[in-house]
Amino acid sequence: MKEFDLIKRFFAEQPVRRKDVHLGIGDDCALVSAGEQHHIAVTTDTLVAGVHFFEDADPRAIGHKSLAVSLSDLAAMGAEPSWISLAISMPSIDEHWVRAFCTGVFELSEYYNVQLIGGDTTAGPLSITVTAQGLLPANKALSRGGAVNGDWLYVTGELGDAALALQFLKGNADVAREDQEALLEKLHYPKPRVLAGQILKEYASAAIDLSDGLLGDLGHICQASQLGANVVLDDLPISNALSANVGAEQAREFALAGGDDYELLFTVSQDNKVGMETALSNAGVKYTCIGQLNKSMKITTTLDSHPVPINAKGFEHFSEASE
């Protein structure tokens, strides 16, 4: 099978056909309509075999996660996912692998009404690059730099499960048999918080998605907003499976620096706090207040109301900690 046969057979046929796509796969460029009074949010993520996923990972899970990480970025901006472009390089064409990969991509794209409108296929080491675009009303985008001194710090969902799952797969941690499936699901099939992002754009002052760990991503908000923050370790949302398998202290470290959570970390003013909590509760979104922003320009942590040192760090490519 050659490149254009591959595109026609696996990528051109898909379950989503949006009315705002005027020209999709098959030409030099796609043509889409953003409509009046809207901005387009654009994000690009690359996943590389051996770095972001194991070489022998389930291709359906790779497809799911390739799209999920980009949709998570759009969610953090409050954007409605609309279109994606996909560039994939692979050593050779394995039809079974490509079919399963596309299943993972299209299951998620159909759920969020996202249409694949173009991309590229290349022979080479296995890697996947997704460019996702979303719509949002003009001047409604959330950013990392909008937080204000005194804002409350919140996070959706639970933290640290994916990090434990990764260590389990690497042989660095033991996990009880009854917890393995649920923890691995968190790692392989993250659920982008698109609905939460749609709600938060009406209430939050700043937001970011948690890909590299709570502390590292909180640092981006603090730097962009020129503020500090205190995180209350007692309030970190940690699952029963995580705490049961590694204990409280190690669970907190996974939650603070593990990465791969793809939850939303966001800030809310005192005035918007009740409205935001009501809106998320009505939508069935789990959320937790884990601290507050301040003028210190530092990130601190407390446990039982006492300051404790921070030993964990978030993930960063090309840093010594990533090697």
Protein backbone atom coordinates (compact mmCIF):
# COMPACT_ATOMS: atom_id res chain seq x y z
CA MET A 1 0.00 0.00 0.00
CA LYS A 2 1.33 3.44 -0.96
CA GLU A 3 0.88 6.80 0.78
CA PHE A 4 -2.23 8.04 -1.05
CA ASP A 5 -3.90 4.64 -0.85
CA LEU A 6 -3.25 4.71 2.90
CA ILE A 7 -4.81 8.18 3.25
CA LYS A 8 -7.86 7.29 1.15
CA ARG A 9 -8.50 3.98 2.88
CA PHE A 10 -7.94 4.90 6.54
CA PHE A 11 -8.05 8.68 7.00
CA ALA A 12 -10.34 10.16 4.35
CA GLU A 13 -13.31 8.09 5.53
CA GLN A 14 -14.37 9.18 9.00
CA PRO A 15 -17.57 9.54 11.04
CA VAL A 16 -17.55 13.35 11.39
CA ARG A 17 -18.64 15.80 8.69
CA ARG A 18 -18.88 19.37 9.98
CA LYS A 19 -20.81 22.03 8.05
CA ASP A 20 -18.04 24.59 8.64
CA VAL A 21 -15.53 22.48 6.68
CA HIS A 22 -15.72 23.64 3.05
CA LEU A 23 -12.76 21.61 1.79
CA GLY A 24 -11.13 18.81 3.76
CA ILE A 25 -8.71 15.99 2.99
CA GLY A 26 -7.49 15.72 -0.59
CA ASP A 27 -6.19 19.17 -1.56
CA ASP A 28 -3.15 21.31 -0.71
CA CYS A 29 -5.01 23.02 2.13
CA ALA A 30 -8.25 22.63 4.01
CA LEU A 31 -10.84 25.42 4.01
CA VAL A 32 -12.87 26.08 7.14
CA SER A 33 -15.18 28.86 8.29
CA ALA A 34 -14.77 30.41 11.72
CA GLY A 35 -17.88 32.57 11.54
CA GLU A 36 -18.19 36.10 12.82
CA GLN A 37 -17.16 37.20 16.31
CA HIS A 38 -15.11 34.07 16.93
CA HIS A 39 -11.45 33.36 17.51
CA ILE A 40 -9.68 30.16 16.51
CA ALA A 41 -7.54 28.48 19.16
CA VAL A 42 -4.71 26.38 17.67
CA THR A 43 -2.48 23.84 19.42
CA THR A 44 0.08 21.28 18.21
CA ASP A 45 1.38 18.23 20.08
CA THR A 46 3.84 15.53 19.03
CA LEU A 47 3.96 12.05 20.54
CA VAL A 48 7.10 10.00 19.90
CA ALA A 49 7.54 6.27 20.36
CA GLY A 50 9.87 5.55 23.26
CA VAL A 51 9.21 8.98 24.79
CA HIS A 52 5.44 9.36 25.08
CA PHE A 53 4.41 5.75 24.60
CA PHE A 54 6.02 2.32 24.49
CA GLU A 55 6.95 0.91 21.08
CA ASP A 56 4.58 -2.02 21.58
CA ALA A 57 1.68 0.00 23.01
CA ASP A 58 -1.87 -0.70 21.86
CA PRO A 59 -2.33 1.37 18.66
CA ARG A 60 -5.94 2.19 19.60
CA ALA A 61 -4.67 3.73 22.84
CA ILE A 62 -1.98 5.65 20.92
CA GLY A 63 -4.64 7.04 18.59
CA HIS A 64 -6.87 8.05 21.49
CA LYS A 65 -4.11 9.74 23.44
CA SER A 66 -2.69 11.51 20.38
CA LEU A 67 -5.96 13.36 20.03
CA ALA A 68 -6.81 13.63 23.72
CA VAL A 69 -3.70 15.61 24.63
CA SER A 70 -4.51 18.26 22.01
CA LEU A 71 -8.17 18.44 22.99
CA SER A 72 -7.01 18.95 26.57
CA ASP A 73 -5.09 22.05 25.45
CA LEU A 74 -8.21 23.43 23.77
CA ALA A 75 -10.21 22.68 26.91
CA ALA A 76 -7.78 24.74 28.98
CA MET A 77 -8.52 27.74 26.75
CA GLY A 78 -12.28 27.22 26.91
CA ALA A 79 -12.44 26.45 23.19
CA GLU A 80 -14.90 24.18 21.42
CA PRO A 81 -12.87 21.53 19.50
CA SER A 82 -13.60 21.72 15.80
CA TRP A 83 -10.90 20.46 13.42
CA ILE A 84 -7.68 18.48 13.53
CA SER A 85 -4.75 17.81 11.23
CA LEU A 86 -2.69 14.66 11.67
CA ALA A 87 0.90 14.01 10.63
CA ILE A 88 2.18 10.49 11.22
CA SER A 89 5.50 8.87 10.41
CA MET A 90 5.89 5.09 10.64
CA PRO A 91 8.61 2.64 9.63
CA SER A 92 6.22 0.70 7.34
CA ILE A 93 2.51 0.38 6.66
CA ASP A 94 0.97 -2.20 8.98
CA GLU A 95 -2.72 -2.22 8.06
CA HIS A 96 -3.81 -3.84 11.32
CA TRP A 97 -1.89 -1.20 13.33
CA VAL A 98 -3.23 1.72 11.27
CA ARG A 99 -6.80 0.44 11.51
CA ALA A 100 -6.62 0.18 15.31
CA PHE A 101 -4.90 3.58 15.54
CA CYS A 102 -7.67 5.19 13.48
CA THR A 103 -10.28 3.55 15.70
CA GLY A 104 -8.78 5.34 18.69
CA VAL A 105 -8.64 8.68 16.87
CA PHE A 106 -12.12 8.52 15.36
CA GLU A 107 -13.86 7.26 18.50
CA LEU A 108 -12.75 10.41 20.28
CA SER A 109 -13.25 12.74 17.33
CA GLU A 110 -16.82 11.51 16.88
CA TYR A 111 -17.56 12.00 20.58
CA TYR A 112 -16.41 15.64 20.44
CA ASN A 113 -17.63 16.35 16.88
CA VAL A 114 -14.11 17.03 15.61
CA GLN A 115 -13.31 16.55 11.93
CA LEU A 116 -9.95 15.47 10.52
CA ILE A 117 -9.29 17.93 7.69
CA GLY A 118 -5.74 17.14 6.59
CA GLY A 119 -2.22 16.09 7.50
CA ASP A 120 0.71 14.09 6.20
CA THR A 121 2.07 10.54 6.20
CA THR A 122 5.80 9.81 6.06
CA ALA A 123 8.11 6.82 6.26
CA GLY A 124 10.31 7.09 9.35
CA PRO A 125 10.46 6.45 13.10
CA LEU A 126 7.03 6.18 14.69
CA SER A 127 5.71 9.57 15.76
CA ILE A 128 2.36 11.35 15.66
CA THR A 129 1.73 15.09 15.46
CA VAL A 130 -1.76 16.52 15.90
CA THR A 131 -2.73 20.12 15.27
CA ALA A 132 -6.11 20.82 16.81
CA GLN A 133 -8.21 23.92 16.30
CA GLY A 134 -11.20 25.12 18.25
CA LEU A 135 -13.69 27.97 18.27
CA LEU A 136 -14.51 30.37 21.05
CA PRO A 137 -16.26 33.75 21.28
CA ALA A 138 -13.95 36.70 20.73
CA ASN A 139 -12.22 37.88 23.93
CA LYS A 140 -13.47 34.88 25.93
CA ALA A 141 -10.29 32.75 25.85
CA LEU A 142 -8.77 31.59 29.11
CA SER A 143 -5.02 32.03 29.40
CA ARG A 144 -2.28 31.37 31.92
CA GLY A 145 -1.75 35.05 32.65
CA GLY A 146 -5.14 36.17 33.94
CA ALA A 147 -4.87 35.14 37.60
CA VAL A 148 -5.13 37.79 40.34
CA ASN A 149 -3.74 37.87 43.87
CA GLY A 150 -6.14 36.06 46.20
CA ASP A 151 -7.71 33.87 43.52
CA TRP A 152 -8.55 30.34 44.60
CA LEU A 153 -6.72 27.42 42.98
CA TYR A 154 -8.75 24.46 41.72
CA VAL A 155 -8.20 21.22 39.84
CA THR A 156 -10.61 18.83 38.13
CA GLY A 157 -10.65 15.08 38.70
CA GLU A 158 -7.96 13.14 40.55
CA LEU A 159 -4.19 13.37 40.22
CA GLY A 160 -1.32 10.89 40.09
CA ASP A 161 -3.00 7.73 38.79
CA ALA A 162 -1.40 7.87 35.34
CA ALA A 163 2.03 8.41 36.89
CA LEU A 164 1.68 5.29 39.01
CA ALA A 165 0.47 3.32 35.98
CA LEU A 166 3.57 4.38 34.05
CA GLN A 167 5.89 3.33 36.85
CA PHE A 168 4.05 0.02 37.06
CA LEU A 169 4.62 -0.62 33.34
CA LYS A 170 8.29 0.26 33.75
CA GLY A 171 8.60 -2.28 36.57
CA ASN A 172 9.30 0.41 39.17
CA ALA A 173 6.12 -0.02 41.23
CA ASP A 174 3.81 -2.79 42.37
CA VAL A 175 0.06 -2.41 41.87
CA ALA A 176 -2.63 -4.67 43.26
CA ARG A 177 -4.30 -6.74 40.55
CA GLU A 178 -7.74 -5.26 41.26
CA ASP A 179 -6.41 -1.72 40.66
CA GLN A 180 -4.35 -2.30 37.52
CA GLU A 181 -7.07 -1.90 34.90
CA ALA A 182 -8.42 1.38 36.29
CA LEU A 183 -4.96 2.91 36.67
CA LEU A 184 -3.84 1.87 33.19
CA GLU A 185 -7.03 3.32 31.75
CA LYS A 186 -6.03 6.72 33.20
CA LEU A 187 -2.66 6.50 31.44
CA HIS A 188 -3.75 5.14 28.06
CA TYR A 189 -7.17 6.77 27.66
CA PRO A 190 -7.12 10.23 29.29
CA LYS A 191 -10.41 12.13 29.11
CA PRO A 192 -9.95 15.74 28.01
CA ARG A 193 -12.03 18.11 30.14
CA VAL A 194 -13.75 19.82 27.23
CA LEU A 195 -17.08 20.36 29.02
CA ALA A 196 -15.34 21.79 32.07
CA GLY A 197 -13.39 24.19 29.85
CA GLN A 198 -16.59 25.41 28.22
CA ILE A 199 -18.01 26.19 31.66
CA LEU A 200 -14.85 27.69 33.11
CA LYS A 201 -14.43 30.30 30.40
CA GLU A 202 -17.38 32.07 32.05
CA TYR A 203 -15.89 31.97 35.58
CA ALA A 204 -12.15 31.27 35.72
CA SER A 205 -9.39 33.88 35.57
CA ALA A 206 -6.63 31.53 34.32
CA ALA A 207 -6.27 27.87 33.37
CA ILE A 208 -3.83 25.25 32.13
CA ASP A 209 -4.08 21.54 31.43
CA LEU A 210 -1.98 19.21 33.57
CA SER A 211 0.38 17.34 31.27
CA ASP A 212 3.75 17.71 33.00
CA GLY A 213 2.71 17.63 36.65
CA LEU A 214 0.85 19.97 38.99
CA LEU A 215 3.88 21.87 40.25
CA GLY A 216 5.40 22.43 36.84
CA ASP A 217 2.15 23.55 35.24
CA LEU A 218 1.22 25.71 38.23
CA GLY A 219 4.60 27.36 37.75
CA HIS A 220 3.49 28.42 34.26
CA ILE A 221 0.39 30.14 35.67
CA CYS A 222 2.41 31.84 38.40
CA GLN A 223 5.05 33.04 35.97
CA ALA A 224 2.54 34.33 33.43
CA SER A 225 0.43 36.02 36.13
CA GLN A 226 3.44 37.27 38.15
CA LEU A 227 2.17 35.65 41.33
CA GLY A 228 2.95 32.90 43.82
CA ALA A 229 0.77 30.13 45.21
CA ASN A 230 0.35 27.88 48.19
CA VAL A 231 -0.85 24.31 47.63
CA VAL A 232 -2.57 22.57 50.53
CA LEU A 233 -1.33 18.99 50.33
CA ASP A 234 -4.14 17.72 52.56
CA ASP A 235 -6.62 18.71 49.85
CA LEU A 236 -4.99 17.08 46.82
CA PRO A 237 -7.57 14.85 45.07
CA ILE A 238 -5.97 11.42 45.27
CA SER A 239 -7.78 8.21 44.34
CA ASN A 240 -8.17 5.31 46.74
CA ALA A 241 -6.23 3.11 44.31
CA LEU A 242 -3.23 5.44 44.34
CA SER A 243 -3.04 5.88 48.09
CA ALA A 244 -3.64 2.17 48.73
CA ASN A 245 -0.78 1.08 46.48
CA VAL A 246 1.95 3.59 47.38
CA GLY A 247 0.98 5.27 50.65
CA ALA A 248 0.12 8.89 51.39
CA GLU A 249 3.54 10.50 50.97
CA GLN A 250 4.37 8.84 47.65
CA ALA A 251 0.83 9.48 46.43
CA ARG A 252 1.30 13.20 47.03
CA GLU A 253 4.54 13.14 45.03
CA PHE A 254 2.82 11.44 42.11
CA ALA A 255 0.01 14.01 42.31
CA LEU A 256 2.43 16.93 42.41
CA ALA A 257 4.86 15.90 39.69
CA GLY A 258 3.73 12.72 37.97
CA GLY A 259 2.26 14.21 34.80
CA ASP A 260 -0.07 12.68 32.20
CA ASP A 261 -3.17 13.66 34.20
CA TYR A 262 -4.74 15.92 31.55
CA GLU A 263 -6.98 17.48 34.16
CA LEU A 264 -7.52 21.26 34.30
CA LEU A 265 -5.80 23.49 36.84
CA PHE A 266 -7.54 26.84 37.13
CA THR A 267 -7.96 29.95 39.25
CA VAL A 268 -11.20 31.61 40.32
CA SER A 269 -11.92 34.86 42.14
CA GLN A 270 -13.84 34.92 45.40
CA ASP A 271 -16.78 36.54 43.60
CA ASN A 272 -16.99 33.75 40.98
CA LYS A 273 -16.30 30.86 43.34
CA VAL A 274 -19.89 29.85 44.17
CA GLY A 275 -21.15 30.27 40.61
CA MET A 276 -18.32 28.16 39.23
CA GLU A 277 -18.80 25.40 41.79
CA THR A 278 -22.53 25.30 41.09
CA ALA A 279 -22.02 25.14 37.32
CA LEU A 280 -19.43 22.35 37.50
CA SER A 281 -21.52 20.38 40.00
CA ASN A 282 -24.59 20.62 37.76
CA ALA A 283 -22.48 19.30 34.87
CA GLY A 284 -21.21 16.36 36.94
CA VAL A 285 -17.59 17.56 36.88
CA LYS A 286 -15.52 16.68 39.93
CA TYR A 287 -13.42 19.60 41.23
CA THR A 288 -11.28 20.36 44.28
CA CYS A 289 -9.97 23.60 45.76
CA ILE A 290 -6.29 22.95 46.52
CA GLY A 291 -4.90 26.35 47.48
CA GLN A 292 -4.72 30.05 46.80
CA LEU A 293 -2.59 32.53 44.88
CA ASN A 294 -0.53 35.20 46.60
CA LYS A 295 2.10 37.88 45.91
CA SER A 296 5.11 35.84 47.01
CA MET A 297 6.28 34.85 43.49
CA LYS A 298 6.97 31.40 44.97
CA ILE A 299 5.14 28.09 45.10
CA THR A 300 4.86 26.71 48.62
CA THR A 301 3.09 23.69 50.10
CA THR A 302 1.52 23.09 53.48
CA LEU A 303 0.50 19.90 55.27
CA ASP A 304 -1.65 19.97 58.42
CA SER A 305 -1.36 23.78 58.20
CA HIS A 306 2.45 23.59 58.46
CA PRO A 307 4.90 24.52 55.69
CA VAL A 308 6.68 21.53 54.13
CA PRO A 309 9.56 21.50 51.62
CA ILE A 310 8.89 20.65 47.99
CA ASN A 311 10.94 17.74 46.71
CA ALA A 312 9.01 16.91 43.56
CA LYS A 313 9.42 18.57 40.16
CA GLY A 314 7.36 18.52 37.00
CA PHE A 315 8.52 16.93 33.75
CA GLU A 316 10.38 19.01 31.18
CA HIS A 317 11.87 17.80 27.92
CA PHE A 318 15.68 18.16 27.55
CA SER A 319 16.13 18.70 31.30
CA GLU A 320 18.37 16.43 33.35
CA ALA A 321 15.31 15.21 35.25
CA SER A 322 13.85 13.95 31.98
CA GLU A 323 16.83 11.77 31.10
